[in-house]
Amino acid sequence: MGVASVNSNLATFIRTVVVLGMTACILSWRHQWQWPQGTAMRAWGFLVLSGIATGLSWLCYWRAMSLGPVSKVASIDKLSVAFAIILGVIFLGENLTWQVALGAGLIVLGAVLIVFL
């Protein structure tokens, strides 16, 4: 309701400014404003790619929220948890326990129920 009349791109920009400000406050409060020494270029590349992916995700999310029902949009968004689990198993070699598999399955099932029924 609060952003119904706000352009989705502008809403994303405002949210980003707030997140930036909060992060700056936390860094200041914890005295963590040091430049990362010896950080490999590969790490910088992944940080930049992560930032791009996050920005695009936020833009798509807010655009979808302005076009469709919140219950369906949010359900699809939460599928990212299941995707993260799958990617963690495939690329990071994380163990897939039955509890994690069941939880991911329930997330997918819940999204399917909300979106298609």
N, C-alpha and C. Protein backbone atom coordinates (compact mmCIF):
# COMPACT_ATOMS: atom_id res chain seq x y z
N MET A 1 0.81 -1.19 0.00
CA MET A 1 0.00 0.00 0.00
C MET A 1 0.86 1.26 0.00
N GLY A 2 1.95 1.20 0.73
CA GLY A 2 2.78 2.39 0.85
C GLY A 2 3.50 2.78 -0.42
N VAL A 3 3.69 1.82 -1.33
CA VAL A 3 4.40 2.13 -2.57
C VAL A 3 3.51 1.97 -3.80
N ALA A 4 2.21 1.88 -3.60
CA ALA A 4 1.30 1.66 -4.72
C ALA A 4 1.40 2.78 -5.75
N SER A 5 1.64 3.99 -5.31
CA SER A 5 1.69 5.11 -6.25
C SER A 5 3.12 5.53 -6.59
N VAL A 6 4.11 4.73 -6.18
CA VAL A 6 5.51 5.05 -6.44
C VAL A 6 6.03 4.16 -7.57
N ASN A 7 6.73 4.76 -8.51
CA ASN A 7 7.36 4.02 -9.59
C ASN A 7 8.26 2.94 -8.99
N SER A 8 8.22 1.72 -9.53
CA SER A 8 8.99 0.62 -8.95
C SER A 8 10.49 0.87 -8.96
N ASN A 9 11.00 1.55 -10.00
CA ASN A 9 12.43 1.86 -10.04
C ASN A 9 12.80 2.88 -8.97
N LEU A 10 11.93 3.88 -8.77
CA LEU A 10 12.17 4.87 -7.73
C LEU A 10 12.11 4.22 -6.35
N ALA A 11 11.16 3.30 -6.16
CA ALA A 11 11.06 2.59 -4.88
C ALA A 11 12.34 1.81 -4.61
N THR A 12 12.89 1.17 -5.63
CA THR A 12 14.14 0.44 -5.48
C THR A 12 15.29 1.38 -5.12
N PHE A 13 15.33 2.53 -5.76
CA PHE A 13 16.37 3.52 -5.47
C PHE A 13 16.29 3.98 -4.01
N ILE A 14 15.08 4.32 -3.57
CA ILE A 14 14.90 4.78 -2.19
C ILE A 14 15.31 3.69 -1.20
N ARG A 15 14.89 2.47 -1.47
CA ARG A 15 15.26 1.34 -0.60
C ARG A 15 16.78 1.17 -0.56
N THR A 16 17.42 1.30 -1.71
CA THR A 16 18.87 1.15 -1.78
C THR A 16 19.58 2.24 -0.97
N VAL A 17 19.10 3.48 -1.06
CA VAL A 17 19.69 4.58 -0.29
C VAL A 17 19.55 4.30 1.22
N VAL A 18 18.39 3.80 1.62
CA VAL A 18 18.18 3.47 3.04
C VAL A 18 19.13 2.36 3.48
N VAL A 19 19.26 1.31 2.67
CA VAL A 19 20.18 0.21 3.00
C VAL A 19 21.61 0.72 3.07
N LEU A 20 22.01 1.57 2.13
CA LEU A 20 23.34 2.16 2.14
C LEU A 20 23.59 2.96 3.41
N GLY A 21 22.62 3.78 3.79
CA GLY A 21 22.74 4.58 5.01
C GLY A 21 22.83 3.70 6.26
N MET A 22 22.00 2.68 6.33
CA MET A 22 22.04 1.78 7.50
C MET A 22 23.38 1.04 7.58
N THR A 23 23.88 0.60 6.43
CA THR A 23 25.16 -0.10 6.41
C THR A 23 26.29 0.84 6.83
N ALA A 24 26.25 2.08 6.37
CA ALA A 24 27.26 3.06 6.76
C ALA A 24 27.22 3.30 8.27
N CYS A 25 26.03 3.36 8.84
CA CYS A 25 25.90 3.54 10.29
C CYS A 25 26.49 2.35 11.04
N ILE A 26 26.21 1.15 10.58
CA ILE A 26 26.75 -0.05 11.23
C ILE A 26 28.27 -0.08 11.14
N LEU A 27 28.80 0.23 9.95
CA LEU A 27 30.26 0.27 9.79
C LEU A 27 30.88 1.31 10.71
N SER A 28 30.25 2.47 10.82
CA SER A 28 30.78 3.52 11.70
C SER A 28 30.70 3.10 13.15
N TRP A 29 29.58 2.56 13.57
CA TRP A 29 29.38 2.14 14.96
C TRP A 29 30.38 1.07 15.37
N ARG A 30 30.72 0.17 14.43
CA ARG A 30 31.63 -0.94 14.74
C ARG A 30 33.08 -0.62 14.35
N HIS A 31 33.34 0.59 13.87
CA HIS A 31 34.70 1.02 13.46
C HIS A 31 35.30 0.05 12.43
N GLN A 32 34.55 -0.21 11.37
CA GLN A 32 34.99 -1.18 10.36
C GLN A 32 35.19 -0.55 8.99
N TRP A 33 35.57 0.72 8.96
CA TRP A 33 35.74 1.42 7.70
C TRP A 33 37.11 1.20 7.07
N GLN A 34 37.75 0.09 7.30
CA GLN A 34 39.07 -0.14 6.68
C GLN A 34 38.90 -0.77 5.30
N TRP A 35 39.79 -0.37 4.40
CA TRP A 35 39.78 -0.91 3.04
C TRP A 35 40.28 -2.35 3.11
N PRO A 36 39.61 -3.28 2.44
CA PRO A 36 40.05 -4.68 2.50
C PRO A 36 41.43 -4.86 1.87
N GLN A 37 42.38 -5.22 2.68
CA GLN A 37 43.76 -5.40 2.21
C GLN A 37 43.93 -6.80 1.61
N GLY A 38 44.63 -6.85 0.51
CA GLY A 38 44.96 -8.14 -0.09
C GLY A 38 43.78 -8.89 -0.67
N THR A 39 42.68 -8.21 -0.90
CA THR A 39 41.52 -8.87 -1.48
C THR A 39 41.79 -9.15 -2.95
N ALA A 40 41.63 -10.40 -3.33
CA ALA A 40 41.92 -10.81 -4.70
C ALA A 40 40.93 -10.18 -5.67
N MET A 41 41.38 -9.97 -6.89
CA MET A 41 40.51 -9.41 -7.92
C MET A 41 39.30 -10.31 -8.15
N ARG A 42 39.48 -11.61 -7.98
CA ARG A 42 38.36 -12.54 -8.15
C ARG A 42 37.27 -12.23 -7.12
N ALA A 43 37.66 -11.95 -5.88
CA ALA A 43 36.68 -11.62 -4.85
C ALA A 43 35.96 -10.33 -5.21
N TRP A 44 36.69 -9.33 -5.71
CA TRP A 44 36.06 -8.07 -6.12
C TRP A 44 35.07 -8.33 -7.26
N GLY A 45 35.45 -9.19 -8.18
CA GLY A 45 34.56 -9.52 -9.29
C GLY A 45 33.25 -10.13 -8.80
N PHE A 46 33.36 -11.06 -7.84
CA PHE A 46 32.15 -11.69 -7.30
C PHE A 46 31.31 -10.69 -6.51
N LEU A 47 31.96 -9.76 -5.81
CA LEU A 47 31.20 -8.73 -5.09
C LEU A 47 30.43 -7.84 -6.06
N VAL A 48 31.08 -7.47 -7.17
CA VAL A 48 30.41 -6.63 -8.17
C VAL A 48 29.27 -7.40 -8.82
N LEU A 49 29.51 -8.66 -9.19
CA LEU A 49 28.45 -9.48 -9.79
C LEU A 49 27.28 -9.67 -8.83
N SER A 50 27.59 -9.87 -7.56
CA SER A 50 26.55 -10.02 -6.55
C SER A 50 25.72 -8.75 -6.44
N GLY A 51 26.39 -7.60 -6.47
CA GLY A 51 25.69 -6.33 -6.42
C GLY A 51 24.78 -6.13 -7.62
N ILE A 52 25.26 -6.50 -8.78
CA ILE A 52 24.44 -6.39 -10.00
C ILE A 52 23.23 -7.32 -9.90
N ALA A 53 23.47 -8.55 -9.47
CA ALA A 53 22.37 -9.52 -9.34
C ALA A 53 21.34 -9.04 -8.31
N THR A 54 21.82 -8.48 -7.20
CA THR A 54 20.90 -7.98 -6.18
C THR A 54 20.09 -6.81 -6.71
N GLY A 55 20.74 -5.90 -7.39
CA GLY A 55 20.03 -4.75 -7.95
C GLY A 55 18.97 -5.17 -8.96
N LEU A 56 19.33 -6.08 -9.85
CA LEU A 56 18.36 -6.56 -10.83
C LEU A 56 17.21 -7.30 -10.15
N SER A 57 17.54 -8.08 -9.13
CA SER A 57 16.51 -8.80 -8.37
C SER A 57 15.53 -7.84 -7.73
N TRP A 58 16.04 -6.78 -7.10
CA TRP A 58 15.17 -5.80 -6.45
C TRP A 58 14.30 -5.09 -7.48
N LEU A 59 14.88 -4.72 -8.62
CA LEU A 59 14.10 -4.05 -9.66
C LEU A 59 12.96 -4.95 -10.16
N CYS A 60 13.29 -6.21 -10.39
CA CYS A 60 12.27 -7.15 -10.87
C CYS A 60 11.20 -7.39 -9.80
N TYR A 61 11.62 -7.51 -8.55
CA TYR A 61 10.69 -7.76 -7.45
C TYR A 61 9.69 -6.61 -7.31
N TRP A 62 10.18 -5.40 -7.25
CA TRP A 62 9.29 -4.26 -7.09
C TRP A 62 8.40 -4.06 -8.30
N ARG A 63 8.92 -4.34 -9.49
CA ARG A 63 8.09 -4.25 -10.69
C ARG A 63 6.98 -5.30 -10.63
N ALA A 64 7.34 -6.50 -10.26
CA ALA A 64 6.33 -7.56 -10.15
C ALA A 64 5.29 -7.23 -9.09
N MET A 65 5.72 -6.63 -7.98
CA MET A 65 4.78 -6.25 -6.92
C MET A 65 3.79 -5.20 -7.43
N SER A 66 4.22 -4.36 -8.35
CA SER A 66 3.31 -3.35 -8.87
C SER A 66 2.35 -3.93 -9.91
N LEU A 67 2.65 -5.11 -10.43
CA LEU A 67 1.83 -5.70 -11.48
C LEU A 67 0.94 -6.84 -11.03
N GLY A 68 1.34 -7.54 -9.96
CA GLY A 68 0.60 -8.74 -9.58
C GLY A 68 0.28 -8.79 -8.11
N PRO A 69 -0.48 -9.81 -7.72
CA PRO A 69 -0.84 -9.97 -6.31
C PRO A 69 0.38 -10.28 -5.45
N VAL A 70 0.45 -9.62 -4.32
CA VAL A 70 1.60 -9.76 -3.42
C VAL A 70 1.81 -11.22 -3.03
N SER A 71 0.75 -11.94 -2.75
CA SER A 71 0.89 -13.34 -2.30
C SER A 71 1.61 -14.18 -3.34
N LYS A 72 1.31 -13.97 -4.59
CA LYS A 72 1.96 -14.76 -5.64
C LYS A 72 3.39 -14.30 -5.89
N VAL A 73 3.59 -13.00 -5.94
CA VAL A 73 4.94 -12.47 -6.18
C VAL A 73 5.89 -12.88 -5.05
N ALA A 74 5.45 -12.72 -3.82
CA ALA A 74 6.30 -13.07 -2.68
C ALA A 74 6.59 -14.56 -2.65
N SER A 75 5.61 -15.38 -3.04
CA SER A 75 5.82 -16.83 -3.06
C SER A 75 6.90 -17.22 -4.06
N ILE A 76 6.84 -16.63 -5.23
CA ILE A 76 7.87 -16.90 -6.24
C ILE A 76 9.23 -16.41 -5.74
N ASP A 77 9.25 -15.26 -5.10
CA ASP A 77 10.51 -14.71 -4.57
C ASP A 77 11.14 -15.66 -3.55
N LYS A 78 10.33 -16.29 -2.73
CA LYS A 78 10.86 -17.18 -1.69
C LYS A 78 11.43 -18.47 -2.27
N LEU A 79 11.16 -18.76 -3.53
CA LEU A 79 11.78 -19.92 -4.16
C LEU A 79 13.30 -19.77 -4.22
N SER A 80 13.79 -18.54 -4.05
CA SER A 80 15.24 -18.31 -4.04
C SER A 80 15.92 -19.13 -2.95
N VAL A 81 15.21 -19.41 -1.86
CA VAL A 81 15.78 -20.24 -0.79
C VAL A 81 16.05 -21.65 -1.32
N ALA A 82 15.08 -22.21 -2.02
CA ALA A 82 15.26 -23.56 -2.58
C ALA A 82 16.39 -23.56 -3.62
N PHE A 83 16.43 -22.52 -4.46
CA PHE A 83 17.51 -22.43 -5.46
C PHE A 83 18.87 -22.31 -4.78
N ALA A 84 18.95 -21.54 -3.71
CA ALA A 84 20.21 -21.39 -2.99
C ALA A 84 20.68 -22.73 -2.41
N ILE A 85 19.75 -23.50 -1.90
CA ILE A 85 20.09 -24.83 -1.37
C ILE A 85 20.65 -25.71 -2.49
N ILE A 86 19.97 -25.72 -3.62
CA ILE A 86 20.44 -26.53 -4.75
C ILE A 86 21.81 -26.08 -5.22
N LEU A 87 22.01 -24.78 -5.36
CA LEU A 87 23.31 -24.26 -5.80
C LEU A 87 24.40 -24.56 -4.78
N GLY A 88 24.06 -24.49 -3.49
CA GLY A 88 25.03 -24.81 -2.45
C GLY A 88 25.48 -26.26 -2.53
N VAL A 89 24.55 -27.15 -2.82
CA VAL A 89 24.89 -28.58 -2.95
C VAL A 89 25.74 -28.81 -4.19
N ILE A 90 25.34 -28.21 -5.32
CA ILE A 90 26.03 -28.45 -6.59
C ILE A 90 27.41 -27.79 -6.63
N PHE A 91 27.48 -26.50 -6.27
CA PHE A 91 28.73 -25.76 -6.47
C PHE A 91 29.62 -25.66 -5.24
N LEU A 92 29.04 -25.76 -4.05
CA LEU A 92 29.83 -25.62 -2.83
C LEU A 92 30.04 -26.92 -2.09
N GLY A 93 29.44 -27.98 -2.60
CA GLY A 93 29.62 -29.29 -1.97
C GLY A 93 28.95 -29.42 -0.61
N GLU A 94 27.92 -28.62 -0.35
CA GLU A 94 27.23 -28.71 0.93
C GLU A 94 26.44 -30.00 1.00
N ASN A 95 26.29 -30.52 2.22
CA ASN A 95 25.53 -31.75 2.41
C ASN A 95 24.03 -31.46 2.34
N LEU A 96 23.33 -32.34 1.66
CA LEU A 96 21.88 -32.23 1.58
C LEU A 96 21.28 -33.26 2.53
N THR A 97 20.91 -32.81 3.72
CA THR A 97 20.29 -33.69 4.70
C THR A 97 18.81 -33.83 4.37
N TRP A 98 18.18 -34.81 4.95
CA TRP A 98 16.75 -35.00 4.68
C TRP A 98 15.94 -33.81 5.21
N GLN A 99 16.42 -33.19 6.31
CA GLN A 99 15.71 -32.03 6.86
C GLN A 99 15.76 -30.85 5.90
N VAL A 100 16.93 -30.63 5.33
CA VAL A 100 17.08 -29.51 4.38
C VAL A 100 16.28 -29.80 3.11
N ALA A 101 16.36 -31.04 2.62
CA ALA A 101 15.59 -31.40 1.42
C ALA A 101 14.10 -31.27 1.67
N LEU A 102 13.63 -31.71 2.82
CA LEU A 102 12.21 -31.59 3.16
C LEU A 102 11.79 -30.12 3.25
N GLY A 103 12.61 -29.30 3.91
CA GLY A 103 12.31 -27.88 4.01
C GLY A 103 12.23 -27.22 2.65
N ALA A 104 13.20 -27.52 1.78
CA ALA A 104 13.19 -26.95 0.43
C ALA A 104 11.97 -27.43 -0.34
N GLY A 105 11.64 -28.70 -0.19
CA GLY A 105 10.46 -29.24 -0.86
C GLY A 105 9.18 -28.56 -0.40
N LEU A 106 9.09 -28.31 0.90
CA LEU A 106 7.90 -27.63 1.43
C LEU A 106 7.80 -26.19 0.93
N ILE A 107 8.95 -25.52 0.78
CA ILE A 107 8.95 -24.16 0.23
C ILE A 107 8.42 -24.19 -1.20
N VAL A 108 8.92 -25.12 -2.00
CA VAL A 108 8.46 -25.24 -3.40
C VAL A 108 6.98 -25.60 -3.44
N LEU A 109 6.56 -26.56 -2.62
CA LEU A 109 5.16 -26.96 -2.58
C LEU A 109 4.26 -25.78 -2.19
N GLY A 110 4.69 -25.01 -1.19
CA GLY A 110 3.91 -23.84 -0.77
C GLY A 110 3.78 -22.83 -1.88
N ALA A 111 4.86 -22.56 -2.60
CA ALA A 111 4.81 -21.61 -3.71
C ALA A 111 3.88 -22.11 -4.81
N VAL A 112 3.96 -23.39 -5.12
CA VAL A 112 3.10 -23.96 -6.16
C VAL A 112 1.63 -23.84 -5.75
N LEU A 113 1.34 -24.17 -4.50
CA LEU A 113 -0.05 -24.08 -4.02
C LEU A 113 -0.59 -22.66 -4.10
N ILE A 114 0.21 -21.70 -3.70
CA ILE A 114 -0.25 -20.30 -3.71
C ILE A 114 -0.40 -19.77 -5.13
N VAL A 115 0.53 -20.09 -5.99
CA VAL A 115 0.52 -19.52 -7.33
C VAL A 115 -0.50 -20.18 -8.24
N PHE A 116 -0.63 -21.50 -8.16
CA PHE A 116 -1.46 -22.20 -9.14
C PHE A 116 -2.83 -22.63 -8.63
N LEU A 117 -3.09 -22.53 -7.36
CA LEU A 117 -4.42 -22.95 -6.86
C LEU A 117 -5.23 -21.79 -6.36
